[in-house]
Amino acid sequence: MSSVEMPPPPAAEPRPPRMKEGPDLLVVSVRQFVGHRLARQMGLAVGLMAATKLITVFAGAWAVRCLGPGGMSISAMIFITSTQLSLFNGVALDALVIRRYKVLPTAEERHEYAVMVMNHRLFLSLCLSLAGLGLFVCLGLGHEWLLGTMAAVPYLIFNSIQPTWVIAAEEQSHLRYVITSVQSLIIAALYVAFFRAGQRAGSDVVVTAIATVAAYFFATFVALKWKNPLPIRLKSLTTLWPMLKEGRWLILTAVLLYAQGLMDLPLVGYLRPKDVGVYQVAYKIVGPVQEICVLLQLVLYPRFVEWQKLGSRFMWQRQLRLALVFVAGLLPAGLLAFVVVPPVMRALYGVEFEASAYPTVLLLIGRGIWVISLWFSLGLWAGTHDRRAFLVLLPVAAIMLTLTLLLVPRYGMIAAASVNLFGQCLVCLGFFAAARHKGRAG
């Protein structure tokens, strides 16, 4: 009787090595992070940006003194409106366009796709600029608003169509940081050269617009090699609606991110107008940190897309290690900020803006927590879980909006900054839970 040979059992899928647990996990995570090529690139880039942003902070302090609280209040509301309009200019779709860009096989196809995306954003930003000018006319604002409002139009347009997402998709992070550093140095140089006591309101918006236009042409040279520096192709608009439809969850997520992380500034402007100019100074200090956070997102997202290809469990291990490294650094940095920031702000900005010192500290700690939550949220977007990220942010935005409306009219900007920090903690916990569930399920 002949025996039937049984087929060999299927080989088990290779699993990434299990991470160590306990205190050793933090030590191993720090060592691996510091020794990684990506960490060295990040360190060099962040160091370059920190140096240029430090120059900008000192020059910005001079601009704040020249404009005074009244001028800062006008500029604050103009920048707030520009930021709110930019939520709908297509920049929120960076995760989607980078995903699509990276799968295109040839350089010519990638170039055509980049031009198409720039056309979409040019059309949207033109429409939004007209809406902003219409709002200015309807509100009947005084002549002191005119200069800043007109300068906000080129700022919004050229900031929208910058092809920096192409540089991020190509993983050329050092070039992105160079562009941002050059833009910061232009702003600082113009502040020092032209600003004097009693400077006209809106002058800082003009300076930002000039630097943004210069950064656009620099980025176009780097990303597109001067091909189509001002792309206008009306036929590209036929693909606009399908892209907006596909990226609807990303747009809604961007709106919630704004409501959760930046909505406190405009609400202070609406609920406590006398505080908005002073609170804007806190955002000027936090601004460089915020820009570094946004650049980290752009630079690291393509790497998360590659990690996703190795499996959800592998992604979770990487996320947890990155988070542990930044938690270890945030704790001493937060304590140090409470000691250092108040006297530095008093020396730089004067007693008129001294009240913004502790709100600044709270906002800085909140941005640090935002970076930690970033490691978990990027994994969701890399895995095309856009809807899940939206559902994490929705209840947090509702809670923060409610608390801000209740507390800011009575307690002012310290309440706004505290609610902001509380919201960042909730978002971090939500993204951590979603990433953990995804990693263990994979």
Protein backbone atom coordinates (compact mmCIF):
# COMPACT_ATOMS: atom_id res chain seq x y z
CA MET A 1 0.00 0.00 0.00
CA SER A 2 1.62 3.21 -1.14
CA SER A 3 1.77 6.10 1.28
CA VAL A 4 0.65 9.52 0.21
CA GLU A 5 3.20 12.21 0.84
CA MET A 6 1.76 15.18 2.64
CA PRO A 7 2.76 18.63 1.34
CA PRO A 8 5.07 20.56 3.63
CA PRO A 9 3.35 23.08 5.86
CA PRO A 10 3.38 26.64 4.53
CA ALA A 11 6.21 28.78 5.77
CA ALA A 12 5.22 31.23 8.43
CA GLU A 13 5.30 34.87 7.48
CA PRO A 14 8.44 36.57 8.71
CA ARG A 15 7.68 38.74 11.70
CA PRO A 16 9.72 41.73 12.71
CA PRO A 17 11.74 41.16 15.85
CA ARG A 18 9.90 41.79 19.10
CA MET A 19 10.92 44.91 20.94
CA LYS A 20 12.44 44.75 24.34
CA GLU A 21 10.18 45.73 27.18
CA GLY A 22 10.73 47.78 30.29
CA PRO A 23 13.43 50.40 30.84
CA ASP A 24 15.69 48.84 28.19
CA LEU A 25 13.16 49.82 25.52
CA LEU A 26 13.80 53.53 26.03
CA VAL A 27 17.60 53.08 25.96
CA VAL A 28 17.48 50.96 22.81
CA SER A 29 15.06 53.38 21.14
CA VAL A 30 17.28 56.39 21.83
CA ARG A 31 20.41 54.62 20.59
CA GLN A 32 18.77 53.40 17.40
CA PHE A 33 17.21 56.79 16.72
CA VAL A 34 20.46 58.73 17.22
CA GLY A 35 22.41 56.32 15.02
CA HIS A 36 19.92 56.33 12.15
CA ARG A 37 20.64 58.27 8.95
CA LEU A 38 17.19 59.82 9.07
CA ALA A 39 17.86 61.15 12.57
CA ARG A 40 21.13 62.74 11.46
CA GLN A 41 19.38 64.43 8.53
CA MET A 42 16.62 65.65 10.83
CA GLY A 43 19.15 66.95 13.36
CA LEU A 44 21.08 68.88 10.71
CA ALA A 45 17.92 70.30 9.16
CA VAL A 46 16.33 71.27 12.48
CA GLY A 47 19.60 72.85 13.59
CA LEU A 48 19.73 74.95 10.43
CA MET A 49 16.12 76.01 10.87
CA ALA A 50 16.58 76.74 14.57
CA ALA A 51 19.54 79.03 13.82
CA THR A 52 17.65 81.01 11.18
CA LYS A 53 14.46 81.10 13.24
CA LEU A 54 16.41 82.47 16.20
CA ILE A 55 17.51 85.37 14.02
CA THR A 56 13.89 85.83 12.91
CA VAL A 57 12.67 85.87 16.52
CA PHE A 58 15.02 88.72 17.42
CA ALA A 59 14.14 90.64 14.26
CA GLY A 60 10.47 89.89 14.88
CA ALA A 61 10.76 91.36 18.38
CA TRP A 62 11.89 94.61 16.76
CA ALA A 63 8.92 94.48 14.37
CA VAL A 64 6.51 93.90 17.28
CA ARG A 65 7.86 96.94 19.13
CA CYS A 66 7.51 99.04 15.97
CA LEU A 67 3.92 97.96 15.30
CA GLY A 68 2.65 98.05 18.89
CA PRO A 69 -0.37 96.16 20.23
CA GLY A 70 -2.78 97.89 17.82
CA GLY A 71 -0.80 97.03 14.70
CA MET A 72 -0.24 93.48 15.95
CA SER A 73 -4.00 93.05 16.45
CA ILE A 74 -4.70 93.99 12.81
CA SER A 75 -1.94 91.73 11.48
CA ALA A 76 -3.13 88.90 13.70
CA MET A 77 -6.66 88.99 12.30
CA ILE A 78 -5.36 89.19 8.69
CA PHE A 79 -3.11 86.16 9.18
CA ILE A 80 -5.94 84.33 10.95
CA THR A 81 -8.29 84.90 8.01
CA SER A 82 -5.59 83.83 5.52
CA THR A 83 -5.00 80.62 7.48
CA GLN A 84 -8.71 79.85 7.62
CA LEU A 85 -9.07 80.36 3.85
CA SER A 86 -6.00 78.22 3.14
CA LEU A 87 -7.73 75.20 4.69
CA PHE A 88 -9.61 74.87 1.39
CA ASN A 89 -6.87 75.64 -1.16
CA GLY A 90 -5.74 72.04 -1.59
CA VAL A 91 -2.72 72.08 0.75
CA ALA A 92 -4.63 69.72 3.06
CA LEU A 93 -4.33 67.09 0.32
CA ASP A 94 -0.53 66.82 0.58
CA ALA A 95 -0.77 63.27 1.95
CA LEU A 96 -2.93 62.22 -1.00
CA VAL A 97 -0.82 63.83 -3.74
CA ILE A 98 2.42 62.47 -2.25
CA ARG A 99 0.93 58.96 -2.22
CA ARG A 100 -0.04 59.29 -5.88
CA TYR A 101 3.20 60.98 -6.91
CA LYS A 102 5.38 58.20 -5.48
CA VAL A 103 3.72 55.47 -7.56
CA LEU A 104 4.16 57.23 -10.92
CA PRO A 105 6.82 55.36 -12.93
CA THR A 106 8.55 58.09 -14.97
CA ALA A 107 9.97 61.54 -14.27
CA GLU A 108 7.84 63.05 -17.03
CA GLU A 109 4.62 61.71 -15.52
CA ARG A 110 5.61 62.99 -12.08
CA HIS A 111 6.35 66.44 -13.53
CA GLU A 112 3.00 66.61 -15.29
CA TYR A 113 1.24 65.52 -12.14
CA ALA A 114 3.02 68.24 -10.11
CA VAL A 115 1.96 70.91 -12.62
CA MET A 116 -1.63 69.64 -12.48
CA VAL A 117 -1.70 69.91 -8.67
CA MET A 118 -0.25 73.43 -8.82
CA ASN A 119 -3.00 74.43 -11.27
CA HIS A 120 -5.64 73.11 -8.90
CA ARG A 121 -4.23 75.13 -6.02
CA LEU A 122 -3.79 78.26 -8.12
CA PHE A 123 -7.48 78.18 -9.10
CA LEU A 124 -8.66 77.51 -5.54
CA SER A 125 -6.44 80.20 -4.00
CA LEU A 126 -7.63 82.79 -6.54
CA CYS A 127 -11.25 82.04 -5.63
CA LEU A 128 -10.44 82.19 -1.92
CA SER A 129 -8.59 85.51 -2.36
CA LEU A 130 -11.65 87.02 -4.02
CA ALA A 131 -13.76 85.73 -1.12
CA GLY A 132 -11.37 87.35 1.36
CA LEU A 133 -11.47 90.69 -0.45
CA GLY A 134 -15.27 90.47 -0.53
CA LEU A 135 -15.27 89.92 3.23
CA PHE A 136 -13.08 93.02 3.67
CA VAL A 137 -15.55 95.13 1.67
CA CYS A 138 -18.62 93.74 3.47
CA LEU A 139 -17.19 94.38 6.92
CA GLY A 140 -16.34 97.97 6.01
CA LEU A 141 -12.97 97.91 7.78
CA GLY A 142 -10.96 101.12 8.03
CA HIS A 143 -8.07 102.30 5.89
CA GLU A 144 -5.54 100.94 8.43
CA TRP A 145 -6.55 97.42 7.29
CA LEU A 146 -6.02 98.09 3.57
CA LEU A 147 -2.25 97.52 3.27
CA GLY A 148 -2.26 94.19 5.09
CA THR A 149 -5.38 92.94 3.31
CA MET A 150 -3.95 93.64 -0.16
CA ALA A 151 -0.62 92.02 0.76
CA ALA A 152 -2.46 88.93 2.00
CA VAL A 153 -3.60 88.12 -1.58
CA PRO A 154 -0.13 87.26 -3.02
CA TYR A 155 0.80 85.67 0.29
CA LEU A 156 -2.17 83.29 0.10
CA ILE A 157 -1.69 82.48 -3.60
CA PHE A 158 2.06 81.85 -3.64
CA ASN A 159 2.00 80.01 -0.33
CA SER A 160 -0.68 77.71 -1.77
CA ILE A 161 1.06 76.77 -5.01
CA GLN A 162 4.57 76.19 -3.62
CA PRO A 163 5.65 72.73 -4.84
CA THR A 164 7.32 71.86 -1.55
CA TRP A 165 5.33 68.64 -1.38
CA VAL A 166 7.30 67.48 -4.45
CA ILE A 167 10.55 67.98 -2.54
CA ALA A 168 9.07 66.03 0.37
CA ALA A 169 7.95 63.20 -1.95
CA GLU A 170 11.46 62.99 -3.38
CA GLU A 171 12.76 62.76 0.23
CA GLN A 172 15.10 65.73 -0.29
CA SER A 173 14.42 67.13 3.16
CA HIS A 174 17.56 69.26 3.34
CA LEU A 175 16.38 71.34 0.37
CA ARG A 176 13.03 72.00 2.02
CA TYR A 177 14.75 73.29 5.13
CA VAL A 178 17.08 75.48 3.06
CA ILE A 179 14.08 77.09 1.34
CA THR A 180 12.35 77.78 4.65
CA SER A 181 15.56 79.16 6.15
CA VAL A 182 16.07 81.53 3.21
CA GLN A 183 12.48 82.73 3.59
CA SER A 184 13.05 83.41 7.30
CA LEU A 185 16.25 85.34 6.64
CA ILE A 186 14.50 87.53 4.05
CA ILE A 187 11.81 88.38 6.60
CA ALA A 188 14.41 89.20 9.27
CA ALA A 189 16.46 91.38 6.89
CA LEU A 190 13.41 93.38 5.79
CA TYR A 191 12.30 93.90 9.39
CA VAL A 192 15.69 95.27 10.42
CA ALA A 193 16.16 97.39 7.28
CA PHE A 194 12.76 99.08 6.98
CA PHE A 195 10.82 98.93 10.26
CA ARG A 196 10.79 101.96 12.53
CA ALA A 197 8.75 103.08 15.54
CA GLY A 198 5.12 103.72 14.60
CA GLN A 199 5.28 101.40 11.59
CA ARG A 200 2.07 101.24 9.57
CA ALA A 201 -0.24 98.34 10.39
CA GLY A 202 0.00 95.51 7.86
CA SER A 203 3.66 96.13 7.03
CA ASP A 204 4.60 92.75 8.46
CA VAL A 205 2.07 91.11 6.10
CA VAL A 206 3.82 92.85 3.18
CA VAL A 207 7.19 91.51 4.35
CA THR A 208 5.80 87.97 4.69
CA ALA A 209 4.27 88.18 1.19
CA ILE A 210 7.60 89.28 -0.35
CA ALA A 211 9.46 86.42 1.34
CA THR A 212 6.76 83.93 0.28
CA VAL A 213 7.02 84.95 -3.40
CA ALA A 214 10.82 84.59 -3.26
CA ALA A 215 10.48 81.16 -1.60
CA TYR A 216 8.02 80.08 -4.29
CA PHE A 217 10.44 80.73 -7.15
CA PHE A 218 13.26 79.08 -5.21
CA ALA A 219 11.10 75.99 -4.55
CA THR A 220 10.00 75.88 -8.20
CA PHE A 221 13.62 75.91 -9.32
CA VAL A 222 14.44 73.04 -6.96
CA ALA A 223 11.33 70.91 -7.58
CA LEU A 224 10.58 71.57 -11.28
CA LYS A 225 13.97 72.81 -12.63
CA TRP A 226 12.32 76.04 -13.80
CA LYS A 227 9.87 74.18 -16.01
CA ASN A 228 6.50 75.94 -15.75
CA PRO A 229 7.42 78.38 -12.93
CA LEU A 230 3.89 79.84 -13.24
CA PRO A 231 1.79 76.91 -14.49
CA ILE A 232 -1.54 77.83 -16.09
CA ARG A 233 -3.33 74.92 -17.75
CA LEU A 234 -7.08 75.26 -17.72
CA LYS A 235 -7.61 71.69 -18.89
CA SER A 236 -6.11 70.48 -15.60
CA LEU A 237 -9.18 71.78 -13.79
CA THR A 238 -11.21 68.84 -15.13
CA THR A 239 -9.44 66.62 -12.58
CA LEU A 240 -10.00 69.00 -9.65
CA TRP A 241 -13.37 67.70 -8.45
CA PRO A 242 -12.38 63.98 -8.45
CA MET A 243 -9.30 64.84 -6.38
CA LEU A 244 -11.31 66.91 -3.90
CA LYS A 245 -13.83 64.10 -3.61
CA GLU A 246 -11.14 61.50 -2.99
CA GLY A 247 -9.42 63.70 -0.42
CA ARG A 248 -12.56 64.83 1.40
CA TRP A 249 -11.53 63.12 4.64
CA LEU A 250 -8.14 64.82 4.53
CA ILE A 251 -9.78 68.23 4.05
CA LEU A 252 -12.18 67.60 6.93
CA THR A 253 -9.23 66.41 9.03
CA ALA A 254 -7.32 69.62 8.23
CA VAL A 255 -10.30 71.67 9.38
CA LEU A 256 -10.42 69.71 12.64
CA LEU A 257 -6.66 70.03 13.11
CA TYR A 258 -7.05 73.76 12.75
CA ALA A 259 -9.97 73.83 15.17
CA GLN A 260 -8.05 71.68 17.62
CA GLY A 261 -4.63 73.36 17.38
CA LEU A 262 -5.03 76.92 16.09
CA MET A 263 -8.63 78.00 16.63
CA ASP A 264 -7.84 79.52 20.02
CA LEU A 265 -6.14 82.55 18.42
CA PRO A 266 -9.12 83.69 16.29
CA LEU A 267 -11.51 82.96 19.17
CA VAL A 268 -9.43 85.20 21.43
CA GLY A 269 -9.72 87.83 18.68
CA TYR A 270 -13.50 87.49 18.55
CA LEU A 271 -14.16 87.03 22.29
CA ARG A 272 -11.39 89.19 23.82
CA PRO A 273 -10.28 91.70 21.15
CA LYS A 274 -8.01 93.56 23.57
CA ASP A 275 -5.90 90.40 24.09
CA VAL A 276 -5.42 89.26 20.51
CA GLY A 277 -2.40 91.48 19.75
CA VAL A 278 -0.59 90.26 22.87
CA TYR A 279 -1.59 86.63 22.25
CA GLN A 280 -0.33 86.94 18.67
CA VAL A 281 3.17 87.47 20.13
CA ALA A 282 2.90 84.07 21.82
CA TYR A 283 2.09 82.57 18.43
CA LYS A 284 5.06 84.39 16.90
CA ILE A 285 7.33 82.62 19.40
CA VAL A 286 5.61 79.29 18.81
CA GLY A 287 5.53 79.86 15.03
CA PRO A 288 9.07 78.55 14.31
CA VAL A 289 8.33 75.43 16.37
CA GLN A 290 5.07 74.96 14.47
CA GLU A 291 6.91 75.29 11.14
CA ILE A 292 9.44 72.67 12.20
CA CYS A 293 6.56 70.36 13.14
CA VAL A 294 4.90 70.84 9.75
CA LEU A 295 8.20 70.23 7.96
CA LEU A 296 8.75 67.07 9.99
CA GLN A 297 5.37 65.87 8.77
CA LEU A 298 6.24 66.61 5.13
CA VAL A 299 9.72 65.12 5.37
CA LEU A 300 8.83 61.95 7.25
CA TYR A 301 5.54 61.05 5.59
CA PRO A 302 7.21 59.40 2.54
CA ARG A 303 9.31 57.30 4.94
CA PHE A 304 6.14 56.17 6.74
CA VAL A 305 4.71 55.12 3.36
CA GLU A 306 7.75 52.87 2.89
CA TRP A 307 7.45 51.46 6.43
CA GLN A 308 3.79 50.66 5.77
CA LYS A 309 4.89 48.30 3.00
CA LEU A 310 6.73 46.22 5.62
CA GLY A 311 3.55 45.64 7.61
CA SER A 312 1.51 47.26 10.35
CA ARG A 313 3.44 45.55 13.15
CA PHE A 314 6.75 46.90 11.83
CA MET A 315 5.18 50.37 11.55
CA TRP A 316 3.96 50.21 15.16
CA GLN A 317 7.43 49.35 16.46
CA ARG A 318 8.93 52.32 14.63
CA GLN A 319 6.20 54.65 15.89
CA LEU A 320 6.62 53.58 19.50
CA ARG A 321 10.38 54.03 19.43
CA LEU A 322 10.13 57.53 17.95
CA ALA A 323 7.50 58.51 20.52
CA LEU A 324 9.62 57.28 23.42
CA VAL A 325 12.60 59.33 22.25
CA PHE A 326 10.55 62.52 22.08
CA VAL A 327 8.79 61.91 25.42
CA ALA A 328 12.22 61.61 27.05
CA GLY A 329 13.23 64.98 25.60
CA LEU A 330 9.95 66.83 26.17
CA LEU A 331 9.81 66.46 29.96
CA PRO A 332 13.02 68.39 30.80
CA ALA A 333 12.42 70.85 27.94
CA GLY A 334 8.95 71.71 29.29
CA LEU A 335 10.30 72.39 32.80
CA LEU A 336 13.11 74.52 31.40
CA ALA A 337 10.63 76.59 29.35
CA PHE A 338 8.79 77.71 32.51
CA VAL A 339 12.06 79.13 33.86
CA VAL A 340 13.56 80.62 30.69
CA VAL A 341 10.69 81.95 28.57
CA PRO A 342 9.16 84.65 30.84
CA PRO A 343 12.36 86.71 31.41
CA VAL A 344 13.41 86.32 27.76
CA MET A 345 10.03 87.59 26.50
CA ARG A 346 10.11 90.51 28.93
CA ALA A 347 13.54 91.53 27.63
CA LEU A 348 12.65 91.09 23.95
CA TYR A 349 9.12 92.51 23.72
CA GLY A 350 8.80 94.81 26.75
CA VAL A 351 6.23 95.02 29.52
CA GLU A 352 3.35 95.61 27.07
CA PHE A 353 3.56 91.98 25.97
CA GLU A 354 4.68 90.42 29.27
CA ALA A 355 1.27 88.82 29.81
CA SER A 356 1.89 86.43 26.89
CA ALA A 357 4.83 84.68 28.60
CA TYR A 358 3.04 81.78 30.32
CA PRO A 359 0.59 81.23 27.44
CA THR A 360 3.71 80.91 25.27
CA VAL A 361 5.10 78.18 27.54
CA LEU A 362 1.84 76.24 27.42
CA LEU A 363 1.68 76.52 23.62
CA LEU A 364 5.31 75.34 23.28
CA ILE A 365 4.64 72.26 25.42
CA GLY A 366 1.51 71.61 23.36
CA ARG A 367 3.53 71.67 20.14
CA GLY A 368 5.94 69.14 21.66
CA ILE A 369 3.01 66.82 22.41
CA TRP A 370 1.79 67.44 18.85
CA VAL A 371 5.09 66.05 17.54
CA ILE A 372 4.58 62.89 19.59
CA SER A 373 1.05 62.46 18.22
CA LEU A 374 2.49 63.04 14.75
CA TRP A 375 4.36 59.71 14.83
CA PHE A 376 1.06 57.89 15.34
CA SER A 377 -1.08 59.93 12.92
CA LEU A 378 1.39 59.59 10.03
CA GLY A 379 1.03 55.84 10.25
CA LEU A 380 -2.72 56.12 9.79
CA TRP A 381 -2.39 58.38 6.74
CA ALA A 382 0.34 56.18 5.24
CA GLY A 383 -2.05 53.25 5.50
CA THR A 384 -4.85 55.30 3.84
CA HIS A 385 -6.86 55.33 7.10
CA ASP A 386 -7.92 58.95 6.48
CA ARG A 387 -11.42 58.43 7.87
CA ARG A 388 -10.11 56.92 11.10
CA ALA A 389 -7.86 59.96 11.68
CA PHE A 390 -10.86 62.23 11.13
CA LEU A 391 -12.92 60.32 13.69
CA VAL A 392 -10.13 60.68 16.27
CA LEU A 393 -10.11 64.47 15.86
CA LEU A 394 -13.85 65.11 15.69
CA PRO A 395 -14.76 64.72 19.40
CA VAL A 396 -11.58 66.51 20.50
CA ALA A 397 -12.39 69.55 18.35
CA ALA A 398 -15.91 69.66 19.79
CA ILE A 399 -14.62 69.49 23.37
CA MET A 400 -12.00 72.21 22.75
CA LEU A 401 -14.45 74.54 21.03
CA THR A 402 -16.89 74.21 23.94
CA LEU A 403 -14.21 74.83 26.58
CA THR A 404 -12.80 77.82 24.68
CA LEU A 405 -16.21 79.46 24.32
CA LEU A 406 -16.87 78.94 28.04
CA LEU A 407 -13.50 79.96 29.47
CA VAL A 408 -11.89 82.55 27.18
CA PRO A 409 -14.42 85.38 27.75
CA ARG A 410 -13.73 85.19 31.49
CA TYR A 411 -10.08 84.12 31.78
CA GLY A 412 -8.59 85.35 28.48
CA MET A 413 -5.52 84.00 26.75
CA ILE A 414 -4.23 81.85 29.64
CA ALA A 415 -7.46 79.84 29.33
CA ALA A 416 -7.04 79.64 25.55
CA ALA A 417 -3.49 78.28 25.87
CA SER A 418 -4.51 75.80 28.59
CA VAL A 419 -7.37 74.46 26.48
CA ASN A 420 -4.96 74.17 23.54
CA LEU A 421 -2.54 72.08 25.62
CA PHE A 422 -5.38 69.89 26.92
CA GLY A 423 -6.56 69.29 23.37
CA GLN A 424 -3.08 68.27 22.21
CA CYS A 425 -2.98 65.68 24.99
CA LEU A 426 -6.35 64.26 23.96
CA VAL A 427 -5.30 64.06 20.30
CA CYS A 428 -2.07 62.31 21.21
CA LEU A 429 -3.95 59.71 23.26
CA GLY A 430 -6.49 59.20 20.47
CA PHE A 431 -3.87 58.69 17.75
CA PHE A 432 -1.86 56.43 20.08
CA ALA A 433 -4.89 54.19 20.64
CA ALA A 434 -5.72 54.06 16.91
CA ALA A 435 -2.12 53.28 15.93
CA ARG A 436 -1.80 50.63 18.65
CA HIS A 437 -4.99 48.91 17.48
CA LYS A 438 -3.80 49.00 13.86
CA GLY A 439 -0.33 47.69 14.76
CA ARG A 440 -1.57 44.79 16.86
CA ALA A 441 -4.22 43.86 14.32
CA GLY A 442 -1.53 43.69 11.62
